[in-house]
Protein backbone atom coordinates (compact mmCIF):
# COMPACT_ATOMS: atom_id res chain seq x y z
CA UNK A 1 -0.22 0.05 -0.11
CA UNK A 2 2.86 2.17 0.81
CA UNK A 3 4.59 1.63 -2.28
CA UNK A 4 1.13 2.26 -4.42
CA UNK A 5 1.20 6.11 -2.68
CA UNK A 6 4.59 6.85 -3.50
CA UNK A 7 4.04 5.81 -7.30
CA UNK A 8 0.94 8.07 -7.25
CA UNK A 9 2.82 10.83 -5.75
CA UNK A 10 5.29 10.73 -8.45
CA UNK A 11 2.47 10.42 -10.98
CA UNK A 12 0.91 13.49 -10.34
CA UNK A 13 3.76 16.14 -11.16
CA UNK A 14 4.82 13.96 -14.40
CA UNK A 15 1.04 14.52 -15.14
CA UNK A 16 1.41 18.12 -14.57
CA UNK A 17 4.61 18.28 -16.69
CA UNK A 18 3.61 16.39 -19.74
CA UNK A 19 0.35 19.02 -19.82
CA UNK A 20 2.56 21.81 -19.66
CA UNK A 21 4.69 20.84 -22.27
CA UNK A 22 1.50 19.77 -24.35
CA UNK A 23 0.25 23.45 -23.83
CA UNK A 24 3.68 24.89 -24.70
CA UNK A 25 3.54 22.87 -28.14
CA UNK A 26 0.03 24.09 -29.38
CA UNK A 27 0.54 27.36 -28.45
CA UNK A 28 4.02 27.63 -30.52
CA UNK A 29 2.15 26.34 -33.33
CA UNK A 30 0.38 29.54 -33.37
CA UNK A 31 3.24 31.62 -35.15
CA UNK A 32 2.52 30.41 -38.27
CA UNK A 33 3.47 32.33 -41.53
CA UNK A 34 1.26 35.01 -42.15
CA UNK A 35 1.97 38.67 -43.55
CA UNK A 36 0.47 41.00 -41.29
CA UNK A 37 1.41 44.67 -43.93
CA UNK A 38 -1.63 45.85 -45.91
CA UNK A 39 -0.65 46.71 -49.76
CA UNK A 40 1.69 49.64 -49.48
CA UNK A 41 1.11 53.53 -50.54
CA UNK A 42 3.05 53.49 -53.95
CA UNK A 43 4.68 57.15 -53.08
CA UNK A 44 5.65 55.98 -49.98
CA UNK A 45 6.77 52.40 -51.61
CA UNK A 46 8.51 54.48 -54.48
CA UNK A 47 10.28 56.66 -52.00
CA UNK A 48 11.68 54.14 -49.89
CA UNK A 49 13.09 51.88 -52.52
CA UNK A 50 16.68 52.23 -53.13
CA UNK A 51 16.34 50.71 -56.41
CA UNK A 52 13.39 51.76 -58.68
CA UNK A 53 12.65 50.80 -62.16
CA UNK A 54 10.17 49.80 -64.96
CA UNK A 55 10.13 46.16 -66.54
CA UNK A 56 8.69 43.26 -67.25
CA UNK A 57 8.84 39.46 -65.52
CA UNK A 58 10.89 37.35 -67.41
CA UNK A 59 11.07 34.34 -64.77
CA UNK A 60 10.08 33.68 -61.32
CA UNK A 61 11.72 30.06 -59.62
CA UNK A 62 12.11 28.69 -56.09
CA UNK A 63 15.48 29.08 -55.41
CA UNK A 64 18.14 30.30 -52.43
CA UNK A 65 18.95 33.78 -52.02
CA UNK A 66 22.91 35.35 -51.69
CA UNK A 67 22.92 34.41 -48.24
CA UNK A 68 21.56 30.46 -48.74
CA UNK A 69 17.82 30.86 -47.76
CA UNK A 70 14.72 29.92 -49.85
CA UNK A 71 13.65 32.41 -51.53
CA UNK A 72 11.75 33.40 -54.75
CA UNK A 73 14.38 34.48 -57.90
CA UNK A 74 12.64 36.82 -59.79
CA UNK A 75 14.11 38.08 -63.40
CA UNK A 76 13.17 41.24 -64.72
CA UNK A 77 14.01 42.92 -68.20
CA UNK A 78 14.12 46.45 -67.16
CA UNK A 79 12.67 48.74 -69.73
CA UNK A 80 13.70 52.04 -67.62
CA UNK A 81 15.63 52.89 -64.54
CA UNK A 82 14.22 55.58 -62.24
CA UNK A 83 16.32 55.23 -59.74
CA UNK A 84 20.01 52.93 -59.85
CA UNK A 85 21.91 51.72 -62.06
CA UNK A 86 20.90 49.75 -65.34
CA UNK A 87 22.58 46.47 -65.45
CA UNK A 88 24.62 46.16 -68.51
CA UNK A 89 22.60 42.68 -69.61
CA UNK A 90 19.12 44.63 -69.08
CA UNK A 91 18.17 42.19 -66.33
CA UNK A 92 17.80 42.56 -62.52
CA UNK A 93 17.33 39.57 -60.27
CA UNK A 94 15.05 40.25 -57.25
CA UNK A 95 14.94 38.00 -54.12
CA UNK A 96 11.69 37.77 -52.35
CA UNK A 97 10.07 35.65 -49.50
CA UNK A 98 9.33 31.87 -51.53
CA UNK A 99 5.58 32.11 -50.78
CA UNK A 100 2.89 35.05 -50.58
CA UNK A 101 1.99 34.01 -46.84
CA UNK A 102 5.12 35.08 -45.83
CA UNK A 103 5.10 38.60 -47.64
CA UNK A 104 6.78 37.35 -50.84
CA UNK A 105 5.62 38.68 -54.20
CA UNK A 106 4.42 36.43 -56.90
CA UNK A 107 4.65 37.15 -60.59
CA UNK A 108 4.69 33.49 -62.12
CA UNK A 109 1.77 34.63 -64.08
CA UNK A 110 4.00 37.44 -65.52
CA UNK A 111 3.80 40.98 -64.61
CA UNK A 112 4.76 44.37 -66.16
CA UNK A 113 5.42 47.36 -64.44
CA UNK A 114 7.04 49.29 -61.75
CA UNK A 115 9.06 47.62 -59.41
CA UNK A 116 11.09 49.00 -56.04
CA UNK A 117 13.64 46.88 -54.31
CA UNK A 118 16.61 47.78 -51.61
CA UNK A 119 19.88 46.29 -50.67
CA UNK A 120 20.30 43.23 -48.67
CA UNK A 121 23.30 41.02 -48.18
CA UNK A 122 24.78 42.28 -51.66
CA UNK A 123 21.10 41.51 -53.62
CA UNK A 124 18.04 43.48 -54.56
CA UNK A 125 14.94 42.36 -52.23
CA UNK A 126 11.10 42.88 -52.26
CA UNK A 127 8.42 41.91 -50.58
CA UNK A 128 4.58 42.51 -50.14
CA UNK A 129 5.07 45.11 -47.61
CA UNK A 130 7.32 47.32 -50.48
CA UNK A 131 5.90 46.05 -53.44
CA UNK A 132 3.76 48.19 -55.29
CA UNK A 133 1.56 46.96 -58.29
CA UNK A 134 1.90 49.48 -60.73
CA UNK A 135 0.56 47.96 -63.83
CA UNK A 136 1.71 49.89 -66.89
CA UNK A 137 -0.54 49.32 -69.84
CA UNK A 138 1.68 49.84 -73.18
CA UNK A 139 -1.37 51.40 -74.75
CA UNK A 140 -1.29 54.44 -72.18
CA UNK A 141 2.12 55.15 -72.77
């Protein structure tokens, strides 16, 4: 009988620890990916961009950025530089988060317009929080 009482005495703290661990695990999953910014103001985004240009998306693929992290790699054919220097090849490579839920941009369907980006770790980065969609219709030019 005394043995049973001692065993039960050890079970209660173990159950409490298991319950606390389960609560911690459940709460830790609440931090799922979610982009919390709304569409940026185009004037503000243009003012904050280090590089600003107009062009057309040539290609977008999932790859890695210059820091070796997963990223959307977006190649843009530049038609006009607004701020910054035009590369000799005429192609600018942008990096973004690999998924829109992490504030990444998705141009897989193609896009022609104005792009804003900031320098980071030696590359140009954009996100849904800083990228504005100014669609440039060729008929309006």
